Amino acid sequence: MTSAKGIRKERPDNELSASNRDDSAPNRDDRRILKTKRALADAFKHLLLEKGYDAITIQDIIDRANVGRSTFYAHYESKEQLLIGNINFQEALIQTKPPGNDCPMGINLHYLFHHTKEHLDLYKILSRSSSSDLLVNYFAGVCVTKLLEYHRYDKLKKGRDKMLLQYTAQAASGAIVSMLAAWLADGAAIPAEEMIEKSKKILEMFFPSADLT
Protein backbone atom coordinates (compact mmCIF):
# COMPACT_ATOMS: atom_id res chain seq x y z
CA MET A 1 0.00 0.00 0.00
CA THR A 2 1.36 3.39 -0.93
CA SER A 3 1.39 6.12 1.64
CA ALA A 4 0.54 8.99 -0.65
CA LYS A 5 -1.21 9.30 -3.97
CA GLY A 6 1.10 9.80 -6.90
CA ILE A 7 4.19 8.29 -5.36
CA ARG A 8 5.79 5.63 -7.44
CA LYS A 9 8.37 3.07 -6.47
CA GLU A 10 11.77 4.38 -7.36
CA ARG A 11 14.39 2.27 -9.03
CA PRO A 12 18.12 2.82 -9.45
CA ASP A 13 18.99 4.25 -12.85
CA ASN A 14 21.23 2.14 -15.05
CA GLU A 15 20.09 -0.96 -13.20
CA LEU A 16 22.36 -3.93 -13.85
CA SER A 17 21.04 -7.42 -14.37
CA ALA A 18 21.80 -9.85 -11.55
CA SER A 19 24.09 -11.86 -13.78
CA ASN A 20 26.25 -8.82 -14.59
CA ARG A 21 26.60 -7.42 -11.08
CA ASP A 22 29.76 -7.79 -9.05
CA ASP A 23 29.67 -7.78 -5.26
CA SER A 24 30.74 -4.15 -4.96
CA ALA A 25 28.32 -2.68 -7.52
CA PRO A 26 25.15 -2.47 -5.36
CA ASN A 27 26.97 -0.60 -2.59
CA ARG A 28 28.60 1.76 -5.04
CA ASP A 29 25.29 2.37 -6.84
CA ASP A 30 23.44 2.88 -3.54
CA ARG A 31 25.95 5.50 -2.42
CA ARG A 32 25.69 7.31 -5.75
CA ILE A 33 21.89 7.31 -5.62
CA LEU A 34 21.84 8.56 -2.03
CA LYS A 35 24.30 11.34 -2.89
CA THR A 36 22.14 12.44 -5.83
CA LYS A 37 18.92 12.38 -3.80
CA ARG A 38 20.49 14.38 -1.01
CA ALA A 39 21.76 16.95 -3.50
CA LEU A 40 18.26 17.30 -4.97
CA ALA A 41 16.65 17.55 -1.53
CA ASP A 42 19.14 20.18 -0.35
CA ALA A 43 18.80 22.20 -3.54
CA PHE A 44 15.02 22.11 -3.26
CA LYS A 45 15.10 23.25 0.36
CA HIS A 46 17.30 26.27 -0.40
CA LEU A 47 15.16 27.22 -3.39
CA LEU A 48 12.02 27.05 -1.26
CA LEU A 49 13.50 29.58 1.14
CA GLU A 50 14.67 31.83 -1.69
CA LYS A 51 11.79 31.71 -4.18
CA GLY A 52 8.81 29.95 -2.65
CA TYR A 53 7.36 26.70 -3.93
CA ASP A 54 5.25 27.88 -6.87
CA ALA A 55 8.11 29.80 -8.53
CA ILE A 56 10.52 26.83 -8.55
CA THR A 57 11.06 24.97 -11.82
CA ILE A 58 12.73 21.64 -12.51
CA GLN A 59 15.49 23.58 -14.26
CA ASP A 60 16.08 25.59 -11.07
CA ILE A 61 16.44 22.38 -9.07
CA ILE A 62 18.83 20.59 -11.40
CA ASP A 63 20.95 23.72 -11.86
CA ARG A 64 21.28 24.16 -8.09
CA ALA A 65 21.94 20.45 -7.49
CA ASN A 66 24.33 20.28 -10.47
CA VAL A 67 22.69 17.20 -11.97
CA GLY A 68 21.26 16.45 -15.39
CA ARG A 69 17.56 16.49 -16.25
CA SER A 70 17.62 12.76 -17.00
CA THR A 71 19.11 12.12 -13.55
CA PHE A 72 16.28 14.06 -11.90
CA TYR A 73 13.64 12.10 -13.80
CA ALA A 74 15.33 8.82 -12.94
CA HIS A 75 14.19 9.44 -9.35
CA TYR A 76 11.23 11.84 -9.46
CA GLU A 77 8.56 12.60 -12.01
CA SER A 78 7.90 16.15 -10.83
CA LYS A 79 8.77 18.70 -8.17
CA GLU A 80 5.64 17.51 -6.33
CA GLN A 81 7.16 14.07 -5.98
CA LEU A 82 10.44 15.58 -4.87
CA LEU A 83 8.59 17.56 -2.20
CA ILE A 84 6.92 14.58 -0.56
CA GLY A 85 9.24 11.78 -1.63
CA ASN A 86 12.61 13.31 -0.95
CA ILE A 87 15.12 11.36 1.05
CA ASN A 88 14.92 13.61 4.11
CA PHE A 89 11.22 12.81 4.57
CA GLN A 90 11.69 9.13 3.86
CA GLU A 91 14.52 8.68 6.36
CA ALA A 92 13.21 10.85 9.17
CA LEU A 93 9.46 10.27 8.98
CA ILE A 94 9.22 6.68 7.82
CA GLN A 95 12.47 4.82 8.42
CA THR A 96 13.70 6.25 11.72
CA LYS A 97 12.11 5.32 15.04
CA PRO A 98 12.57 8.04 17.67
CA PRO A 99 13.67 7.27 21.23
CA GLY A 100 11.09 6.75 23.97
CA ASN A 101 7.42 6.28 23.19
CA ASP A 102 6.94 9.04 20.61
CA CYS A 103 6.19 6.53 17.85
CA PRO A 104 2.86 4.97 18.91
CA MET A 105 1.50 2.42 16.42
CA GLY A 106 4.39 3.24 14.12
CA ILE A 107 3.49 6.94 13.72
CA ASN A 108 6.56 9.10 14.20
CA LEU A 109 4.97 11.85 16.27
CA HIS A 110 8.41 13.09 17.29
CA TYR A 111 9.17 13.95 13.67
CA LEU A 112 5.72 15.35 12.94
CA PHE A 113 5.95 17.90 15.71
CA HIS A 114 9.62 18.44 16.59
CA HIS A 115 11.01 18.37 13.07
CA THR A 116 8.28 20.51 11.56
CA LYS A 117 8.73 23.08 14.34
CA GLU A 118 12.49 23.18 13.73
CA HIS A 119 11.75 23.97 10.08
CA LEU A 120 8.79 26.23 10.68
CA ASP A 121 10.03 28.74 8.12
CA LEU A 122 9.79 26.10 5.40
CA TYR A 123 6.33 24.95 6.42
CA LYS A 124 5.05 28.52 6.51
CA ILE A 125 6.27 28.99 2.94
CA LEU A 126 4.66 25.73 1.84
CA SER A 127 1.38 26.56 3.59
CA ARG A 128 1.03 29.64 1.39
CA SER A 129 1.59 27.69 -1.83
CA SER A 130 -0.23 25.21 -4.02
CA SER A 131 1.68 22.43 -2.25
CA SER A 132 -0.17 22.85 1.06
CA ASP A 133 -2.82 20.18 0.50
CA LEU A 134 -0.27 17.87 -1.09
CA LEU A 135 1.93 17.91 2.00
CA VAL A 136 -1.00 17.49 4.41
CA ASN A 137 -2.31 14.55 2.39
CA TYR A 138 1.15 13.00 2.34
CA PHE A 139 1.54 13.16 6.12
CA ALA A 140 -1.98 11.77 6.58
CA GLY A 141 -1.28 8.99 4.10
CA VAL A 142 1.88 7.95 5.92
CA CYS A 143 -0.04 7.83 9.21
CA VAL A 144 -2.82 5.74 7.68
CA THR A 145 -0.30 3.27 6.28
CA LYS A 146 1.46 2.92 9.64
CA LEU A 147 -1.83 2.37 11.49
CA LEU A 148 -2.95 -0.28 9.02
CA GLU A 149 0.39 -2.06 9.27
CA TYR A 150 0.27 -1.96 13.08
CA HIS A 151 -3.24 -3.40 13.18
CA ARG A 152 -2.36 -6.07 10.58
CA TYR A 153 -4.81 -4.84 7.99
CA ASP A 154 -3.40 -7.23 5.37
CA LYS A 155 -4.23 -10.22 7.58
CA LEU A 156 -7.93 -9.38 7.89
CA LYS A 157 -10.47 -10.97 5.60
CA LYS A 158 -12.47 -8.71 3.32
CA GLY A 159 -15.58 -7.44 5.02
CA ARG A 160 -16.90 -5.23 7.78
CA ASP A 161 -13.86 -5.38 10.11
CA LYS A 162 -11.45 -4.49 7.34
CA MET A 163 -13.57 -1.58 6.14
CA LEU A 164 -13.99 -0.22 9.68
CA LEU A 165 -10.25 -0.40 10.33
CA GLN A 166 -9.61 1.57 7.13
CA TYR A 167 -12.15 4.23 8.10
CA THR A 168 -10.83 4.48 11.66
CA ALA A 169 -7.22 4.80 10.50
CA GLN A 170 -8.20 7.56 8.10
CA ALA A 171 -10.18 9.42 10.77
CA ALA A 172 -7.41 9.21 13.38
CA SER A 173 -4.74 10.27 10.88
CA GLY A 174 -6.85 13.13 9.59
CA ALA A 175 -7.40 14.43 13.12
CA ILE A 176 -3.70 14.36 14.00
CA VAL A 177 -2.52 15.95 10.76
CA SER A 178 -5.25 18.62 10.84
CA MET A 179 -4.12 19.50 14.35
CA LEU A 180 -0.50 19.59 13.16
CA ALA A 181 -1.36 21.96 10.29
CA ALA A 182 -3.30 24.30 12.57
CA TRP A 183 -0.49 24.27 15.13
CA LEU A 184 2.09 25.19 12.50
CA ALA A 185 -0.16 27.91 11.10
CA ASP A 186 -0.31 29.43 14.61
CA GLY A 187 3.48 29.50 14.83
CA ALA A 188 3.85 26.27 16.85
CA ALA A 189 3.46 28.26 20.08
CA ILE A 190 2.38 25.28 22.20
CA PRO A 191 5.31 22.95 23.10
CA ALA A 192 5.78 20.01 20.75
CA GLU A 193 5.70 17.53 23.62
CA GLU A 194 2.24 18.72 24.59
CA MET A 195 1.05 18.28 21.00
CA ILE A 196 2.50 14.77 20.95
CA GLU A 197 0.53 13.89 24.08
CA LYS A 198 -2.65 15.28 22.51
CA SER A 199 -2.01 13.13 19.45
CA LYS A 200 -1.64 10.05 21.63
CA LYS A 201 -5.01 10.88 23.18
CA ILE A 202 -6.51 10.97 19.70
CA LEU A 203 -5.08 7.54 18.93
CA GLU A 204 -6.33 6.25 22.26
CA MET A 205 -9.82 7.52 21.44
CA PHE A 206 -9.93 5.78 18.08
CA PHE A 207 -8.07 2.66 19.22
CA PRO A 208 -8.93 2.33 22.94
CA SER A 209 -7.58 -1.21 23.38
CA ALA A 210 -4.20 -0.61 21.70
CA ASP A 211 -0.84 -0.31 23.46
CA LEU A 212 0.54 3.17 22.71
CA THR A 213 4.04 2.60 24.06
C-alpha atoms as a PDB file:
ATOM      1  CA  MET A   1       0.000   0.000   0.000  1.00  0.00           C
ATOM      2  CA  THR A   2       1.356   3.393  -0.927  1.00  0.00           C
ATOM      3  CA  SER A   3       1.392   6.118   1.642  1.00  0.00           C
ATOM      4  CA  ALA A   4       0.541   8.991  -0.655  1.00  0.00           C
ATOM      5  CA  LYS A   5      -1.215   9.300  -3.966  1.00  0.00           C
ATOM      6  CA  GLY A   6       1.095   9.796  -6.901  1.00  0.00           C
ATOM      7  CA  ILE A   7       4.191   8.288  -5.358  1.00  0.00           C
ATOM      8  CA  ARG A   8       5.791   5.625  -7.444  1.00  0.00           C
ATOM      9  CA  LYS A   9       8.370   3.067  -6.473  1.00  0.00           C
ATOM     10  CA  GLU A  10      11.767   4.375  -7.363  1.00  0.00           C
ATOM     11  CA  ARG A  11      14.394   2.268  -9.033  1.00  0.00           C
ATOM     12  CA  PRO A  12      18.123   2.816  -9.448  1.00  0.00           C
ATOM     13  CA  ASP A  13      18.990   4.254 -12.850  1.00  0.00           C
ATOM     14  CA  ASN A  14      21.228   2.136 -15.054  1.00  0.00           C
ATOM     15  CA  GLU A  15      20.094  -0.956 -13.195  1.00  0.00           C
ATOM     16  CA  LEU A  16      22.355  -3.930 -13.851  1.00  0.00           C
ATOM     17  CA  SER A  17      21.040  -7.415 -14.368  1.00  0.00           C
ATOM     18  CA  ALA A  18      21.797  -9.847 -11.545  1.00  0.00           C
ATOM     19  CA  SER A  19      24.089 -11.863 -13.776  1.00  0.00           C
ATOM     20  CA  ASN A  20      26.246  -8.820 -14.587  1.00  0.00           C
ATOM     21  CA  ARG A  21      26.604  -7.416 -11.084  1.00  0.00           C
ATOM     22  CA  ASP A  22      29.758  -7.793  -9.054  1.00  0.00           C
ATOM     23  CA  ASP A  23      29.673  -7.776  -5.263  1.00  0.00           C
ATOM     24  CA  SER A  24      30.743  -4.151  -4.956  1.00  0.00           C
ATOM     25  CA  ALA A  25      28.318  -2.684  -7.525  1.00  0.00           C
ATOM     26  CA  PRO A  26      25.151  -2.470  -5.363  1.00  0.00           C
ATOM     27  CA  ASN A  27      26.973  -0.600  -2.592  1.00  0.00           C
ATOM     28  CA  ARG A  28      28.599   1.758  -5.045  1.00  0.00           C
ATOM     29  CA  ASP A  29      25.288   2.367  -6.835  1.00  0.00           C
ATOM     30  CA  ASP A  30      23.444   2.877  -3.543  1.00  0.00           C
ATOM     31  CA  ARG A  31      25.947   5.502  -2.421  1.00  0.00           C
ATOM     32  CA  ARG A  32      25.690   7.306  -5.754  1.00  0.00           C
ATOM     33  CA  ILE A  33      21.886   7.314  -5.624  1.00  0.00           C
ATOM     34  CA  LEU A  34      21.841   8.559  -2.029  1.00  0.00           C
ATOM     35  CA  LYS A  35      24.297  11.338  -2.892  1.00  0.00           C
ATOM     36  CA  THR A  36      22.138  12.437  -5.834  1.00  0.00           C
ATOM     37  CA  LYS A  37      18.922  12.377  -3.803  1.00  0.00           C
ATOM     38  CA  ARG A  38      20.490  14.381  -1.006  1.00  0.00           C
ATOM     39  CA  ALA A  39      21.761  16.951  -3.497  1.00  0.00           C
ATOM     40  CA  LEU A  40      18.260  17.299  -4.970  1.00  0.00           C
ATOM     41  CA  ALA A  41      16.647  17.551  -1.532  1.00  0.00           C
ATOM     42  CA  ASP A  42      19.140  20.176  -0.346  1.00  0.00           C
ATOM     43  CA  ALA A  43      18.796  22.200  -3.544  1.00  0.00           C
ATOM     44  CA  PHE A  44      15.022  22.114  -3.262  1.00  0.00           C
ATOM     45  CA  LYS A  45      15.097  23.254   0.364  1.00  0.00           C
ATOM     46  CA  HIS A  46      17.301  26.274  -0.399  1.00  0.00           C
ATOM     47  CA  LEU A  47      15.158  27.218  -3.395  1.00  0.00           C
ATOM     48  CA  LEU A  48      12.018  27.055  -1.263  1.00  0.00           C
ATOM     49  CA  LEU A  49      13.497  29.583   1.140  1.00  0.00           C
ATOM     50  CA  GLU A  50      14.667  31.826  -1.690  1.00  0.00           C
ATOM     51  CA  LYS A  51      11.795  31.710  -4.180  1.00  0.00           C
ATOM     52  CA  GLY A  52       8.811  29.950  -2.653  1.00  0.00           C
ATOM     53  CA  TYR A  53       7.357  26.695  -3.934  1.00  0.00           C
ATOM     54  CA  ASP A  54       5.251  27.884  -6.869  1.00  0.00           C
ATOM     55  CA  ALA A  55       8.107  29.796  -8.534  1.00  0.00           C
ATOM     56  CA  ILE A  56      10.516  26.829  -8.548  1.00  0.00           C
ATOM     57  CA  THR A  57      11.061  24.965 -11.816  1.00  0.00           C
ATOM     58  CA  ILE A  58      12.730  21.638 -12.506  1.00  0.00           C
ATOM     59  CA  GLN A  59      15.486  23.577 -14.258  1.00  0.00           C
ATOM     60  CA  ASP A  60      16.084  25.586 -11.070  1.00  0.00           C
ATOM     61  CA  ILE A  61      16.442  22.380  -9.072  1.00  0.00           C
ATOM     62  CA  ILE A  62      18.827  20.592 -11.401  1.00  0.00           C
ATOM     63  CA  ASP A  63      20.948  23.718 -11.856  1.00  0.00           C
ATOM     64  CA  ARG A  64      21.278  24.157  -8.089  1.00  0.00           C
ATOM     65  CA  ALA A  65      21.943  20.447  -7.490  1.00  0.00           C
ATOM     66  CA  ASN A  66      24.329  20.282 -10.466  1.00  0.00           C
ATOM     67  CA  VAL A  67      22.694  17.195 -11.968  1.00  0.00           C
ATOM     68  CA  GLY A  68      21.258  16.447 -15.392  1.00  0.00           C
ATOM     69  CA  ARG A  69      17.562  16.485 -16.248  1.00  0.00           C
ATOM     70  CA  SER A  70      17.616  12.756 -17.004  1.00  0.00           C
ATOM     71  CA  THR A  71      19.108  12.116 -13.553  1.00  0.00           C
ATOM     72  CA  PHE A  72      16.285  14.061 -11.902  1.00  0.00           C
ATOM     73  CA  TYR A  73      13.640  12.101 -13.802  1.00  0.00           C
ATOM     74  CA  ALA A  74      15.328   8.818 -12.943  1.00  0.00           C
ATOM     75  CA  HIS A  75      14.191   9.443  -9.350  1.00  0.00           C
ATOM     76  CA  TYR A  76      11.234  11.836  -9.458  1.00  0.00           C
ATOM     77  CA  GLU A  77       8.556  12.598 -12.012  1.00  0.00           C
ATOM     78  CA  SER A  78       7.902  16.149 -10.831  1.00  0.00           C
ATOM     79  CA  LYS A  79       8.769  18.701  -8.175  1.00  0.00           C
ATOM     80  CA  GLU A  80       5.637  17.512  -6.330  1.00  0.00           C
ATOM     81  CA  GLN A  81       7.156  14.073  -5.981  1.00  0.00           C
ATOM     82  CA  LEU A  82      10.443  15.578  -4.866  1.00  0.00           C
ATOM     83  CA  LEU A  83       8.588  17.560  -2.201  1.00  0.00           C
ATOM     84  CA  ILE A  84       6.917  14.577  -0.564  1.00  0.00           C
ATOM     85  CA  GLY A  85       9.236  11.780  -1.625  1.00  0.00           C
ATOM     86  CA  ASN A  86      12.613  13.315  -0.955  1.00  0.00           C
ATOM     87  CA  ILE A  87      15.119  11.360   1.049  1.00  0.00           C
ATOM     88  CA  ASN A  88      14.920  13.608   4.110  1.00  0.00           C
ATOM     89  CA  PHE A  89      11.217  12.813   4.570  1.00  0.00           C
ATOM     90  CA  GLN A  90      11.694   9.134   3.860  1.00  0.00           C
ATOM     91  CA  GLU A  91      14.516   8.680   6.355  1.00  0.00           C
ATOM     92  CA  ALA A  92      13.206  10.851   9.171  1.00  0.00           C
ATOM     93  CA  LEU A  93       9.455  10.270   8.979  1.00  0.00           C
ATOM     94  CA  ILE A  94       9.217   6.682   7.819  1.00  0.00           C
ATOM     95  CA  GLN A  95      12.468   4.815   8.422  1.00  0.00           C
ATOM     96  CA  THR A  96      13.700   6.255  11.723  1.00  0.00           C
ATOM     97  CA  LYS A  97      12.110   5.323  15.039  1.00  0.00           C
ATOM     98  CA  PRO A  98      12.565   8.040  17.672  1.00  0.00           C
ATOM     99  CA  PRO A  99      13.670   7.272  21.234  1.00  0.00           C
ATOM    100  CA  GLY A 100      11.089   6.747  23.966  1.00  0.00           C
ATOM    101  CA  ASN A 101       7.417   6.278  23.191  1.00  0.00           C
ATOM    102  CA  ASP A 102       6.942   9.041  20.607  1.00  0.00           C
ATOM    103  CA  CYS A 103       6.187   6.532  17.854  1.00  0.00           C
ATOM    104  CA  PRO A 104       2.864   4.971  18.908  1.00  0.00           C
ATOM    105  CA  MET A 105       1.499   2.416  16.422  1.00  0.00           C
ATOM    106  CA  GLY A 106       4.392   3.243  14.118  1.00  0.00           C
ATOM    107  CA  ILE A 107       3.491   6.941  13.716  1.00  0.00           C
ATOM    108  CA  ASN A 108       6.559   9.104  14.196  1.00  0.00           C
ATOM    109  CA  LEU A 109       4.967  11.847  16.274  1.00  0.00           C
ATOM    110  CA  HIS A 110       8.409  13.089  17.287  1.00  0.00           C
ATOM    111  CA  TYR A 111       9.171  13.946  13.667  1.00  0.00           C
ATOM    112  CA  LEU A 112       5.716  15.346  12.938  1.00  0.00           C
ATOM    113  CA  PHE A 113       5.951  17.903  15.714  1.00  0.00           C
ATOM    114  CA  HIS A 114       9.621  18.437  16.592  1.00  0.00           C
ATOM    115  CA  HIS A 115      11.013  18.368  13.069  1.00  0.00           C
ATOM    116  CA  THR A 116       8.284  20.512  11.557  1.00  0.00           C
ATOM    117  CA  LYS A 117       8.725  23.077  14.340  1.00  0.00           C
ATOM    118  CA  GLU A 118      12.489  23.176  13.727  1.00  0.00           C
ATOM    119  CA  HIS A 119      11.746  23.965  10.076  1.00  0.00           C
ATOM    120  CA  LEU A 120       8.785  26.233  10.682  1.00  0.00           C
ATOM    121  CA  ASP A 121      10.034  28.740   8.122  1.00  0.00           C
ATOM    122  CA  LEU A 122       9.790  26.101   5.404  1.00  0.00           C
ATOM    123  CA  TYR A 123       6.332  24.954   6.421  1.00  0.00           C
ATOM    124  CA  LYS A 124       5.052  28.523   6.508  1.00  0.00           C
ATOM    125  CA  ILE A 125       6.273  28.985   2.942  1.00  0.00           C
ATOM    126  CA  LEU A 126       4.658  25.726   1.842  1.00  0.00           C
ATOM    127  CA  SER A 127       1.380  26.558   3.594  1.00  0.00           C
ATOM    128  CA  ARG A 128       1.030  29.638   1.386  1.00  0.00           C
ATOM    129  CA  SER A 129       1.592  27.690  -1.827  1.00  0.00           C
ATOM    130  CA  SER A 130      -0.234  25.211  -4.023  1.00  0.00           C
ATOM    131  CA  SER A 131       1.681  22.433  -2.248  1.00  0.00           C
ATOM    132  CA  SER A 132      -0.172  22.847   1.064  1.00  0.00           C
ATOM    133  CA  ASP A 133      -2.819  20.185   0.497  1.00  0.00           C
ATOM    134  CA  LEU A 134      -0.269  17.869  -1.091  1.00  0.00           C
ATOM    135  CA  LEU A 135       1.927  17.911   1.998  1.00  0.00           C
ATOM    136  CA  VAL A 136      -0.997  17.489   4.414  1.00  0.00           C
ATOM    137  CA  ASN A 137      -2.313  14.554   2.387  1.00  0.00           C
ATOM    138  CA  TYR A 138       1.148  13.003   2.343  1.00  0.00           C
ATOM    139  CA  PHE A 139       1.537  13.160   6.121  1.00  0.00           C
ATOM    140  CA  ALA A 140      -1.976  11.765   6.579  1.00  0.00           C
ATOM    141  CA  GLY A 141      -1.278   8.985   4.097  1.00  0.00           C
ATOM    142  CA  VAL A 142       1.881   7.948   5.921  1.00  0.00           C
ATOM    143  CA  CYS A 143      -0.037   7.829   9.214  1.00  0.00           C
ATOM    144  CA  VAL A 144      -2.820   5.737   7.677  1.00  0.00           C
ATOM    145  CA  THR A 145      -0.299   3.272   6.279  1.00  0.00           C
ATOM    146  CA  LYS A 146       1.456   2.923   9.639  1.00  0.00           C
ATOM    147  CA  LEU A 147      -1.830   2.370  11.491  1.00  0.00           C
ATOM    148  CA  LEU A 148      -2.950  -0.282   9.020  1.00  0.00           C
ATOM    149  CA  GLU A 149       0.393  -2.057   9.272  1.00  0.00           C
ATOM    150  CA  TYR A 150       0.274  -1.964  13.082  1.00  0.00           C
ATOM    151  CA  HIS A 151      -3.242  -3.403  13.176  1.00  0.00           C
ATOM    152  CA  ARG A 152      -2.355  -6.072  10.582  1.00  0.00           C
ATOM    153  CA  TYR A 153      -4.806  -4.845   7.986  1.00  0.00           C
ATOM    154  CA  ASP A 154      -3.403  -7.225   5.375  1.00  0.00           C
ATOM    155  CA  LYS A 155      -4.234 -10.218   7.581  1.00  0.00           C
ATOM    156  CA  LEU A 156      -7.931  -9.380   7.891  1.00  0.00           C
ATOM    157  CA  LYS A 157     -10.471 -10.965   5.597  1.00  0.00           C
ATOM    158  CA  LYS A 158     -12.474  -8.708   3.324  1.00  0.00           C
ATOM    159  CA  GLY A 159     -15.580  -7.436   5.021  1.00  0.00           C
ATOM    160  CA  ARG A 160     -16.896  -5.227   7.781  1.00  0.00           C
ATOM    161  CA  ASP A 161     -13.863  -5.379  10.105  1.00  0.00           C
ATOM    162  CA  LYS A 162     -11.447  -4.487   7.340  1.00  0.00           C
ATOM    163  CA  MET A 163     -13.567  -1.583   6.143  1.00  0.00           C
ATOM    164  CA  LEU A 164     -13.994  -0.220   9.679  1.00  0.00           C
ATOM    165  CA  LEU A 165     -10.250  -0.395  10.328  1.00  0.00           C
ATOM    166  CA  GLN A 166      -9.608   1.568   7.135  1.00  0.00           C
ATOM    167  CA  TYR A 167     -12.145   4.233   8.097  1.00  0.00           C
ATOM    168  CA  THR A 168     -10.833   4.478  11.658  1.00  0.00           C
ATOM    169  CA  ALA A 169      -7.219   4.798  10.500  1.00  0.00           C
ATOM    170  CA  GLN A 170      -8.204   7.557   8.099  1.00  0.00           C
ATOM    171  CA  ALA A 171     -10.182   9.415  10.771  1.00  0.00           C
ATOM    172  CA  ALA A 172      -7.411   9.214  13.377  1.00  0.00           C
ATOM    173  CA  SER A 173      -4.741  10.270  10.878  1.00  0.00           C
ATOM    174  CA  GLY A 174      -6.848  13.130   9.593  1.00  0.00           C
ATOM    175  CA  ALA A 175      -7.402  14.425  13.124  1.00  0.00           C
ATOM    176  CA  ILE A 176      -3.697  14.363  14.000  1.00  0.00           C
ATOM    177  CA  VAL A 177      -2.521  15.951  10.757  1.00  0.00           C
ATOM    178  CA  SER A 178      -5.246  18.617  10.839  1.00  0.00           C
ATOM    179  CA  MET A 179      -4.119  19.501  14.353  1.00  0.00           C
ATOM    180  CA  LEU A 180      -0.502  19.591  13.157  1.00  0.00           C
ATOM    181  CA  ALA A 181      -1.360  21.960  10.292  1.00  0.00           C
ATOM    182  CA  ALA A 182      -3.303  24.303  12.574  1.00  0.00           C
ATOM    183  CA  TRP A 183      -0.492  24.267  15.129  1.00  0.00           C
ATOM    184  CA  LEU A 184       2.094  25.189  12.497  1.00  0.00           C
ATOM    185  CA  ALA A 185      -0.164  27.915  11.101  1.00  0.00           C
ATOM    186  CA  ASP A 186      -0.314  29.429  14.609  1.00  0.00           C
ATOM    187  CA  GLY A 187       3.478  29.499  14.831  1.00  0.00           C
ATOM    188  CA  ALA A 188       3.852  26.270  16.853  1.00  0.00           C
ATOM    189  CA  ALA A 189       3.456  28.255  20.075  1.00  0.00           C
ATOM    190  CA  ILE A 190       2.384  25.280  22.200  1.00  0.00           C
ATOM    191  CA  PRO A 191       5.312  22.952  23.105  1.00  0.00           C
ATOM    192  CA  ALA A 192       5.781  20.012  20.748  1.00  0.00           C
ATOM    193  CA  GLU A 193       5.696  17.526  23.619  1.00  0.00           C
ATOM    194  CA  GLU A 194       2.236  18.721  24.592  1.00  0.00           C
ATOM    195  CA  MET A 195       1.047  18.283  21.001  1.00  0.00           C
ATOM    196  CA  ILE A 196       2.500  14.769  20.947  1.00  0.00           C
ATOM    197  CA  GLU A 197       0.531  13.893  24.081  1.00  0.00           C
ATOM    198  CA  LYS A 198      -2.645  15.283  22.509  1.00  0.00           C
ATOM    199  CA  SER A 199      -2.006  13.134  19.448  1.00  0.00           C
ATOM    200  CA  LYS A 200      -1.636  10.054  21.632  1.00  0.00           C
ATOM    201  CA  LYS A 201      -5.007  10.880  23.182  1.00  0.00           C
ATOM    202  CA  ILE A 202      -6.512  10.974  19.699  1.00  0.00           C
ATOM    203  CA  LEU A 203      -5.081   7.540  18.928  1.00  0.00           C
ATOM    204  CA  GLU A 204      -6.333   6.250  22.257  1.00  0.00           C
ATOM    205  CA  MET A 205      -9.817   7.522  21.442  1.00  0.00           C
ATOM    206  CA  PHE A 206      -9.929   5.779  18.080  1.00  0.00           C
ATOM    207  CA  PHE A 207      -8.068   2.658  19.219  1.00  0.00           C
ATOM    208  CA  PRO A 208      -8.930   2.326  22.937  1.00  0.00           C
ATOM    209  CA  SER A 209      -7.580  -1.210  23.379  1.00  0.00           C
ATOM    210  CA  ALA A 210      -4.198  -0.613  21.704  1.00  0.00           C
ATOM    211  CA  ASP A 211      -0.837  -0.311  23.461  1.00  0.00           C
ATOM    212  CA  LEU A 212       0.544   3.171  22.710  1.00  0.00           C
ATOM    213  CA  THR A 213       4.038   2.597  24.059  1.00  0.00           C
END
